[in-house]
Amino acid sequence: MSEYINNNEMKLNLLKEKIKKIDSVNDTEAVKEELKTLLNEVSYEDVVIVEQQLVEEGIDKDKMLELCDLHSAALRGLINPQSKKMETAGHPVHTLRKENQSIKRELEFIQSLVDQINNSEDTTDVSELFLKIRTGINNLMDVEKHYSRKENLLFPFLEKYNITGPSTVMWGKHDQIRGLLKNCVEVLKSTTKINAEDGKAIIEFVLTPAIKLIDEMIYKEESILFPMALDHLSEEDWLQIYKQSDEIGYCLFAPSAEWKPVNLSNEFFSEVIEASKIKLPTGMFNLNELNAIFNTIPFDLTFVDKEDNVKFFSHGIERIFQRSKAILGRKVQYCHPPSSVHIVEKILNDFKSGEQNKASFWINFKERFIYISYYALRDEEKNYLGTLEVTQDLTELRKLDGERRILEY
């Protein structure tokens, strides 16, 4: 019958009516079979247009979010995501896709643990499995940066072309996922000792909804959002997104390739190094000098802002603990194993309250003696600005004896 439905407006009206008809999960398979018979496949442009029309018709936001889940299930496998354009390594969409691959791996890791618990006898102690799940959920909290780049960088450029459907629908789904992940973190904090019976209840009511919604978001991005964005945004738009992405940070993936627009001149692409100096109370630098200093100092620095987000790390040649740009923008609590998170929280709370200004630790690491200090950063009025982590390898310094003067150089 699909050959008779060749008028695009007719196809769109049919698709919209079928989507509006879905009232429950039980309807999705029936609607999918009808659409498969009538249309064979649905282009991503048609899905975007229909969603946009529903928004413009004033459909209730909550109803739209509900429809979003249902029609995604009904259209899974029918949407043709092919774009007229392809992205290369380093391109913002390439990075988003790589992040999705990493998110998928975390979801599969968590699901494998969930399956083990669901297949266990109710009286079985599954505390260790839940500890591993907690690590996986902590990693998934990184998805905040993935969604934040969409919301603050990609959606505004789409809106410039009057494409408002994705920002209206997806932003609402992002918030639902944020809430579900937050619930997961809170519940898993209390699962230090748990049997399979209680674990299965947590899986059903807390973990599974989060896993499902994140997986569905990946499908929507890959089949609809990314192809549409590639076809509509210009290279100038992508360049602006590319330049601003570092500030927000990345999700479980650190892009290493430098992306250069093919059709833009070098003057468009060149990063502008400010000629003006960075003036401080005791002197000044230019950006190249400051970067060289941070990469040369014989210790590692990591800065966490007052909202507990990792904002900067030095990248010296012999860094003790390796860092990647994937941690930028990440909550520092999720950079530590669950067993030590409460200590991290205690240090941060003591810094914020003013009770402490420094916390120091020393460990043996790979036959080296490592000294780690955390310092509270404060402004002139003693307001808390964040925390500075300083990590030093003191192995050779501990061996020093006597003295060596400059004349002995």
Protein backbone atom coordinates (compact mmCIF):
# COMPACT_ATOMS: atom_id res chain seq x y z
CA MET A 1 0.00 0.00 0.00
CA SER A 2 2.97 2.30 0.49
CA GLU A 3 3.05 3.18 -3.22
CA TYR A 4 -0.30 4.95 -2.85
CA ILE A 5 0.93 7.21 -0.07
CA ASN A 6 3.37 9.28 -2.05
CA ASN A 7 2.06 12.71 -1.13
CA ASN A 8 4.34 14.07 1.59
CA GLU A 9 1.64 16.06 3.38
CA MET A 10 -0.55 12.96 3.45
CA LYS A 11 2.33 10.94 4.89
CA LEU A 12 2.94 13.52 7.59
CA ASN A 13 -0.72 13.66 8.57
CA LEU A 14 -0.87 9.89 8.69
CA LEU A 15 2.25 9.70 10.84
CA LYS A 16 0.94 12.38 13.19
CA GLU A 17 -2.43 10.70 13.60
CA LYS A 18 -0.81 7.35 14.29
CA ILE A 19 1.46 8.93 16.92
CA LYS A 20 -1.46 10.72 18.59
CA LYS A 21 -3.40 7.45 18.57
CA ILE A 22 -0.86 5.70 20.80
CA ASP A 23 -2.23 5.69 24.35
CA SER A 24 -0.22 2.91 25.97
CA VAL A 25 2.78 0.65 25.58
CA ASN A 26 0.40 -2.05 24.33
CA ASP A 27 -0.46 0.08 21.30
CA THR A 28 3.07 0.54 20.04
CA GLU A 29 3.45 -2.82 18.30
CA ALA A 30 0.10 -2.49 16.54
CA VAL A 31 0.94 1.03 15.34
CA LYS A 32 4.40 -0.13 14.26
CA GLU A 33 2.87 -2.87 12.11
CA GLU A 34 0.42 -0.40 10.54
CA LEU A 35 3.19 2.09 9.73
CA LYS A 36 5.38 -0.69 8.36
CA THR A 37 2.58 -1.72 6.02
CA LEU A 38 1.68 1.81 4.97
CA LEU A 39 5.08 3.53 4.79
CA ASN A 40 7.82 0.85 4.89
CA GLU A 41 10.14 3.39 6.50
CA VAL A 42 9.99 6.89 7.97
CA SER A 43 12.58 9.57 7.30
CA TYR A 44 14.06 11.36 10.30
CA GLU A 45 12.88 14.68 8.78
CA ASP A 46 9.27 13.48 8.93
CA VAL A 47 9.56 12.57 12.61
CA VAL A 48 11.03 16.00 13.41
CA ILE A 49 8.32 17.82 11.44
CA VAL A 50 5.55 15.86 13.14
CA GLU A 51 6.99 16.49 16.61
CA GLN A 52 7.32 20.18 15.78
CA GLN A 53 3.71 20.34 14.57
CA LEU A 54 2.46 18.70 17.75
CA VAL A 55 4.38 21.24 19.84
CA GLU A 56 3.04 24.14 17.76
CA GLU A 57 -0.50 22.79 18.13
CA GLY A 58 -0.07 23.28 21.87
CA ILE A 59 0.04 19.67 23.01
CA ASP A 60 0.53 19.42 26.78
CA LYS A 61 4.23 19.10 27.69
CA ASP A 62 3.73 16.01 29.89
CA LYS A 63 1.62 14.38 27.17
CA MET A 64 4.33 15.16 24.63
CA LEU A 65 7.00 13.54 26.80
CA GLU A 66 4.78 10.47 27.18
CA LEU A 67 4.17 10.33 23.43
CA CYS A 68 7.89 10.71 22.83
CA ASP A 69 8.58 7.39 24.60
CA LEU A 70 5.69 5.59 22.94
CA HIS A 71 6.29 6.72 19.38
CA SER A 72 10.02 6.04 19.71
CA ALA A 73 9.14 2.43 20.53
CA ALA A 74 6.66 2.27 17.65
CA LEU A 75 9.11 3.75 15.14
CA ARG A 76 12.19 1.81 16.26
CA GLY A 77 13.62 0.13 13.19
CA LEU A 78 11.42 2.14 10.79
CA ILE A 79 13.32 5.43 10.88
CA ASN A 80 15.88 6.00 8.15
CA PRO A 81 18.61 8.07 9.86
CA GLN A 82 20.68 8.71 6.72
CA SER A 83 22.09 12.22 6.52
CA LYS A 84 23.36 13.97 3.43
CA LYS A 85 26.54 14.84 5.33
CA MET A 86 29.13 12.86 7.28
CA GLU A 87 31.22 13.98 10.24
CA THR A 88 34.95 13.40 10.71
CA ALA A 89 37.01 12.72 13.85
CA GLY A 90 36.91 15.66 16.23
CA HIS A 91 33.64 17.02 14.82
CA PRO A 92 31.10 17.67 17.60
CA VAL A 93 28.74 14.97 16.29
CA HIS A 94 31.60 12.47 16.02
CA THR A 95 32.39 13.20 19.69
CA LEU A 96 28.73 12.82 20.68
CA ARG A 97 28.58 9.46 18.89
CA LYS A 98 31.77 8.28 20.62
CA GLU A 99 30.25 9.30 23.95
CA ASN A 100 27.15 7.27 23.12
CA GLN A 101 29.34 4.22 22.49
CA SER A 102 30.91 4.70 25.94
CA ILE A 103 27.49 5.18 27.54
CA LYS A 104 26.30 1.99 25.83
CA ARG A 105 29.23 0.07 27.29
CA GLU A 106 28.33 1.27 30.79
CA LEU A 107 24.69 0.31 30.24
CA GLU A 108 25.74 -3.17 29.06
CA PHE A 109 28.06 -3.53 32.06
CA ILE A 110 25.28 -2.61 34.47
CA GLN A 111 22.78 -4.84 32.64
CA SER A 112 25.14 -7.84 32.93
CA LEU A 113 25.24 -7.32 36.71
CA VAL A 114 21.47 -6.86 36.81
CA ASP A 115 21.02 -10.17 34.97
CA GLN A 116 23.23 -11.94 37.50
CA ILE A 117 21.13 -10.59 40.37
CA ASN A 118 17.82 -11.44 38.68
CA ASN A 119 19.04 -15.00 38.13
CA SER A 120 20.09 -15.43 41.78
CA GLU A 121 18.13 -17.08 44.58
CA ASP A 122 16.31 -14.51 46.73
CA THR A 123 18.48 -15.22 49.78
CA THR A 124 21.79 -14.77 47.91
CA ASP A 125 24.04 -11.96 49.13
CA VAL A 126 24.49 -9.62 46.13
CA SER A 127 26.22 -6.77 47.94
CA GLU A 128 29.38 -7.03 45.81
CA LEU A 129 27.36 -6.94 42.60
CA PHE A 130 25.55 -3.82 43.78
CA LEU A 131 28.86 -2.17 44.63
CA LYS A 132 29.90 -2.69 41.01
CA ILE A 133 26.54 -1.35 39.81
CA ARG A 134 27.11 1.72 41.95
CA THR A 135 30.42 2.32 40.16
CA GLY A 136 28.65 1.99 36.81
CA ILE A 137 25.91 4.44 37.83
CA ASN A 138 28.56 6.89 39.05
CA ASN A 139 30.14 6.69 35.60
CA LEU A 140 26.75 7.28 33.97
CA MET A 141 26.37 10.51 35.93
CA ASP A 142 28.86 11.83 33.36
CA VAL A 143 25.95 11.89 30.90
CA GLU A 144 25.14 15.31 32.35
CA LYS A 145 27.94 16.82 30.23
CA HIS A 146 26.64 15.10 27.10
CA TYR A 147 23.15 16.51 27.66
CA SER A 148 24.47 19.91 28.73
CA ARG A 149 26.39 20.33 25.46
CA LYS A 150 23.21 19.48 23.55
CA GLU A 151 21.12 21.92 25.57
CA ASN A 152 23.53 24.84 25.65
CA LEU A 153 25.34 24.45 22.32
CA LEU A 154 23.45 22.28 19.82
CA PHE A 155 19.82 23.23 20.56
CA PRO A 156 20.37 27.03 20.28
CA PHE A 157 21.85 26.61 16.80
CA LEU A 158 18.95 24.39 15.73
CA GLU A 159 16.53 27.01 17.02
CA LYS A 160 18.29 29.55 14.78
CA TYR A 161 16.83 27.53 11.88
CA ASN A 162 13.40 27.42 13.58
CA ILE A 163 13.87 23.79 14.63
CA THR A 164 12.47 23.82 18.16
CA GLY A 165 11.04 20.30 18.49
CA PRO A 166 14.21 18.59 19.77
CA SER A 167 14.90 21.18 22.44
CA THR A 168 11.28 21.04 23.64
CA VAL A 169 11.05 17.25 23.74
CA MET A 170 14.61 16.11 24.48
CA TRP A 171 15.27 18.63 27.23
CA GLY A 172 12.29 17.25 29.12
CA LYS A 173 13.62 13.70 28.68
CA HIS A 174 17.06 14.85 29.89
CA ASP A 175 15.47 16.11 33.09
CA GLN A 176 13.65 12.82 33.59
CA ILE A 177 16.93 10.93 33.18
CA ARG A 178 18.69 13.28 35.61
CA GLY A 179 15.99 12.59 38.18
CA LEU A 180 16.16 8.83 37.68
CA LEU A 181 19.96 8.76 37.96
CA LYS A 182 19.81 10.87 41.11
CA ASN A 183 17.37 8.35 42.58
CA CYS A 184 19.74 5.52 41.63
CA VAL A 185 22.64 7.21 43.42
CA GLU A 186 20.59 7.84 46.55
CA VAL A 187 19.21 4.30 46.72
CA LEU A 188 22.57 2.65 45.99
CA LYS A 189 24.22 4.56 48.83
CA SER A 190 22.27 2.42 51.27
CA THR A 191 22.93 -0.94 49.61
CA THR A 192 26.04 -1.91 51.58
CA LYS A 193 24.42 -5.22 52.57
CA ILE A 194 21.63 -6.56 50.39
CA ASN A 195 20.14 -9.87 49.28
CA ALA A 196 18.84 -10.71 45.81
CA GLU A 197 15.17 -10.38 46.78
CA ASP A 198 15.55 -6.74 47.81
CA GLY A 199 17.98 -6.20 44.94
CA LYS A 200 15.40 -7.30 42.37
CA ALA A 201 12.94 -4.72 43.70
CA ILE A 202 15.55 -1.95 43.36
CA ILE A 203 16.32 -3.14 39.84
CA GLU A 204 12.66 -3.11 38.80
CA PHE A 205 11.66 0.23 40.26
CA VAL A 206 14.89 2.25 40.20
CA LEU A 207 17.60 0.90 37.89
CA THR A 208 15.62 -0.44 34.92
CA PRO A 209 13.67 2.79 34.25
CA ALA A 210 16.93 4.76 34.17
CA ILE A 211 18.72 2.26 31.92
CA LYS A 212 15.76 2.14 29.53
CA LEU A 213 15.41 5.91 29.23
CA ILE A 214 19.13 6.47 28.61
CA ASP A 215 19.15 3.77 25.94
CA GLU A 216 16.10 5.32 24.26
CA MET A 217 17.80 8.72 24.25
CA ILE A 218 20.79 7.24 22.43
CA TYR A 219 18.43 5.85 19.78
CA LYS A 220 16.70 9.23 19.35
CA GLU A 221 20.02 11.01 18.99
CA GLU A 222 21.48 8.57 16.50
CA SER A 223 18.39 8.16 14.34
CA ILE A 224 16.92 11.69 14.44
CA LEU A 225 18.90 14.43 16.15
CA PHE A 226 22.38 13.93 14.69
CA PRO A 227 21.33 13.43 11.04
CA MET A 228 19.06 16.47 11.24
CA ALA A 229 21.74 18.64 12.86
CA LEU A 230 24.32 17.62 10.25
CA ASP A 231 21.97 18.55 7.44
CA HIS A 232 20.95 21.95 8.81
CA LEU A 233 23.90 23.47 10.67
CA SER A 234 26.66 25.25 8.77
CA GLU A 235 30.38 24.72 9.30
CA GLU A 236 30.49 28.11 11.05
CA ASP A 237 27.84 26.80 13.47
CA TRP A 238 29.79 23.61 14.11
CA LEU A 239 32.96 25.59 14.64
CA GLN A 240 31.29 27.64 17.38
CA ILE A 241 30.03 24.45 19.04
CA TYR A 242 33.47 22.85 18.73
CA LYS A 243 35.25 25.82 20.29
CA GLN A 244 32.88 25.99 23.27
CA SER A 245 32.66 22.25 24.01
CA ASP A 246 35.81 22.06 26.16
CA GLU A 247 34.32 24.44 28.70
CA ILE A 248 31.39 22.09 29.42
CA GLY A 249 33.43 18.90 29.19
CA TYR A 250 32.90 15.41 27.78
CA CYS A 251 31.16 12.20 28.80
CA LEU A 252 33.31 9.08 29.29
CA PHE A 253 35.31 9.96 26.18
CA ALA A 254 38.10 12.48 25.60
CA PRO A 255 38.34 13.69 21.98
CA SER A 256 41.96 13.84 20.88
CA ALA A 257 41.59 14.70 17.19
CA GLU A 258 41.59 18.37 16.22
CA TRP A 259 38.70 19.19 13.93
CA LYS A 260 39.17 21.67 11.10
CA PRO A 261 36.24 22.73 8.91
CA VAL A 262 36.95 21.82 5.30
CA ASN A 263 35.23 24.77 3.66
CA LEU A 264 36.35 27.56 5.97
CA SER A 265 39.49 29.60 5.60
CA ASN A 266 42.22 29.37 8.23
CA GLU A 267 41.34 32.81 9.57
CA PHE A 268 37.92 31.49 10.58
CA PHE A 269 39.39 28.47 12.30
CA SER A 270 42.49 29.91 13.95
CA GLU A 271 42.23 30.08 17.70
CA VAL A 272 42.68 33.66 18.78
CA ILE A 273 45.43 34.02 21.38
CA GLU A 274 44.80 37.26 23.15
CA ALA A 275 47.61 39.76 22.87
CA SER A 276 46.63 41.35 26.16
CA LYS A 277 48.36 40.15 29.32
CA ILE A 278 46.78 38.23 32.17
CA LYS A 279 47.45 40.62 35.01
CA LEU A 280 47.83 39.39 38.57
CA PRO A 281 48.73 41.35 41.73
CA THR A 282 52.39 40.26 41.50
CA GLY A 283 52.97 40.15 37.75
CA MET A 284 51.56 39.12 34.38
CA PHE A 285 51.67 36.44 31.66
CA ASN A 286 50.33 35.82 28.20
CA LEU A 287 48.38 32.60 27.61
CA ASN A 288 51.31 30.71 26.08
CA GLU A 289 53.51 31.50 29.06
CA LEU A 290 50.87 30.52 31.57
CA ASN A 291 50.18 27.24 29.79
CA ALA A 292 53.92 26.47 29.72
CA ILE A 293 54.19 27.14 33.45
CA PHE A 294 51.34 24.78 34.31
CA ASN A 295 52.86 22.07 32.14
CA THR A 296 56.35 22.46 33.63
CA ILE A 297 55.81 22.74 37.38
CA PRO A 298 57.07 19.56 39.15
CA PHE A 299 53.70 18.67 40.66
CA ASP A 300 50.18 18.04 39.42
CA LEU A 301 47.33 20.50 39.93
CA THR A 302 43.60 19.86 39.69
CA PHE A 303 41.01 22.56 40.33
CA VAL A 304 37.46 21.80 41.50
CA ASP A 305 35.04 24.76 41.57
CA LYS A 306 32.63 25.65 44.36
CA GLU A 307 29.91 23.50 42.75
CA ASP A 308 32.25 20.45 42.96
CA ASN A 309 32.86 20.37 39.19
CA VAL A 310 36.35 19.53 37.89
CA LYS A 311 37.32 22.63 35.88
CA PHE A 312 41.06 22.34 35.22
CA PHE A 313 44.09 20.10 35.50
CA SER A 314 47.73 20.69 34.64
CA HIS A 315 49.18 18.32 32.10
CA GLY A 316 52.88 17.95 32.76
CA ILE A 317 55.11 15.44 31.02
CA GLU A 318 55.38 13.15 34.05
CA ARG A 319 51.92 13.38 35.56
CA ILE A 320 51.50 11.02 38.53
CA PHE A 321 47.81 10.23 38.12
CA GLN A 322 46.71 10.43 34.51
CA ARG A 323 43.82 12.72 33.61
CA SER A 324 41.84 13.14 30.41
CA LYS A 325 39.54 15.91 29.26
CA ALA A 326 36.63 13.56 29.90
CA ILE A 327 36.73 14.55 33.60
CA LEU A 328 36.27 18.27 32.86
CA GLY A 329 32.87 19.38 34.11
CA ARG A 330 32.42 16.14 36.05
CA LYS A 331 31.38 16.12 39.70
CA VAL A 332 34.52 15.31 41.66
CA GLN A 333 32.56 12.81 43.75
CA TYR A 334 32.24 10.60 40.66
CA CYS A 335 36.00 10.63 40.08
CA HIS A 336 36.51 8.55 43.22
CA PRO A 337 35.52 4.95 44.01
CA PRO A 338 32.30 4.57 46.04
CA SER A 339 34.26 3.37 49.08
CA SER A 340 35.97 6.77 49.48
CA VAL A 341 33.23 9.16 48.33
CA HIS A 342 32.13 9.89 51.90
CA ILE A 343 35.67 11.08 52.73
CA VAL A 344 35.70 13.38 49.68
CA GLU A 345 32.32 14.77 50.77
CA LYS A 346 33.64 15.33 54.30
CA ILE A 347 36.68 17.26 53.06
CA LEU A 348 34.58 19.44 50.73
CA ASN A 349 32.00 20.15 53.44
CA ASP A 350 34.73 21.10 55.91
CA PHE A 351 36.26 23.46 53.33
CA LYS A 352 32.88 25.03 52.50
CA SER A 353 32.00 25.55 56.18
CA GLY A 354 35.41 27.06 56.92
CA GLU A 355 36.22 24.38 59.47
CA GLN A 356 39.33 23.33 57.52
CA ASN A 357 41.57 24.82 54.85
CA LYS A 358 43.86 21.88 54.08
CA ALA A 359 43.84 18.09 54.05
CA SER A 360 46.96 16.02 53.32
CA PHE A 361 47.67 12.35 52.64
CA TRP A 362 50.68 10.31 51.53
CA ILE A 363 50.78 6.93 49.86
CA ASN A 364 53.16 4.46 48.21
CA PHE A 365 52.26 4.25 44.55
CA LYS A 366 54.22 2.22 41.98
CA GLU A 367 57.28 2.25 44.26
CA ARG A 368 57.06 6.05 44.54
CA PHE A 369 56.26 8.14 47.65
CA ILE A 370 53.33 10.40 46.73
CA TYR A 371 52.16 13.38 48.78
CA ILE A 372 48.61 14.63 48.08
CA SER A 373 47.23 17.87 49.51
CA TYR A 374 43.85 19.54 49.13
CA TYR A 375 43.58 23.29 49.71
CA ALA A 376 40.45 25.40 50.12
CA LEU A 377 40.54 28.40 47.77
CA ARG A 378 38.98 31.58 49.14
CA ASP A 379 38.61 35.18 47.98
CA GLU A 380 39.54 38.23 50.03
CA GLU A 381 36.25 38.01 51.95
CA LYS A 382 37.00 34.33 52.77
CA ASN A 383 34.21 33.07 50.51
CA TYR A 384 34.82 29.53 49.27
CA LEU A 385 35.80 29.41 45.57
CA GLY A 386 36.75 25.76 45.19
CA THR A 387 39.43 23.22 46.00
CA LEU A 388 42.95 22.81 44.63
CA GLU A 389 44.48 19.33 44.62
CA VAL A 390 48.29 19.27 44.58
CA THR A 391 50.02 15.93 43.98
CA GLN A 392 53.80 15.60 44.33
CA ASP A 393 56.27 12.78 43.88
CA LEU A 394 58.61 13.16 46.89
CA THR A 395 60.62 9.99 46.29
CA GLU A 396 63.85 11.73 45.25
CA LEU A 397 63.42 14.64 47.67
CA ARG A 398 63.28 12.24 50.63
CA LYS A 399 66.76 10.97 49.68
CA LEU A 400 68.41 14.41 49.80
CA ASP A 401 71.20 14.94 52.32
CA GLY A 402 73.65 17.74 52.95
CA GLU A 403 73.47 20.56 50.39
CA ARG A 404 74.17 21.43 46.78
CA ARG A 405 74.79 25.08 45.98
CA ILE A 406 74.15 26.87 42.70
CA LEU A 407 77.90 27.24 42.11
CA GLU A 408 78.05 23.45 41.77
CA TYR A 409 75.82 23.53 38.66
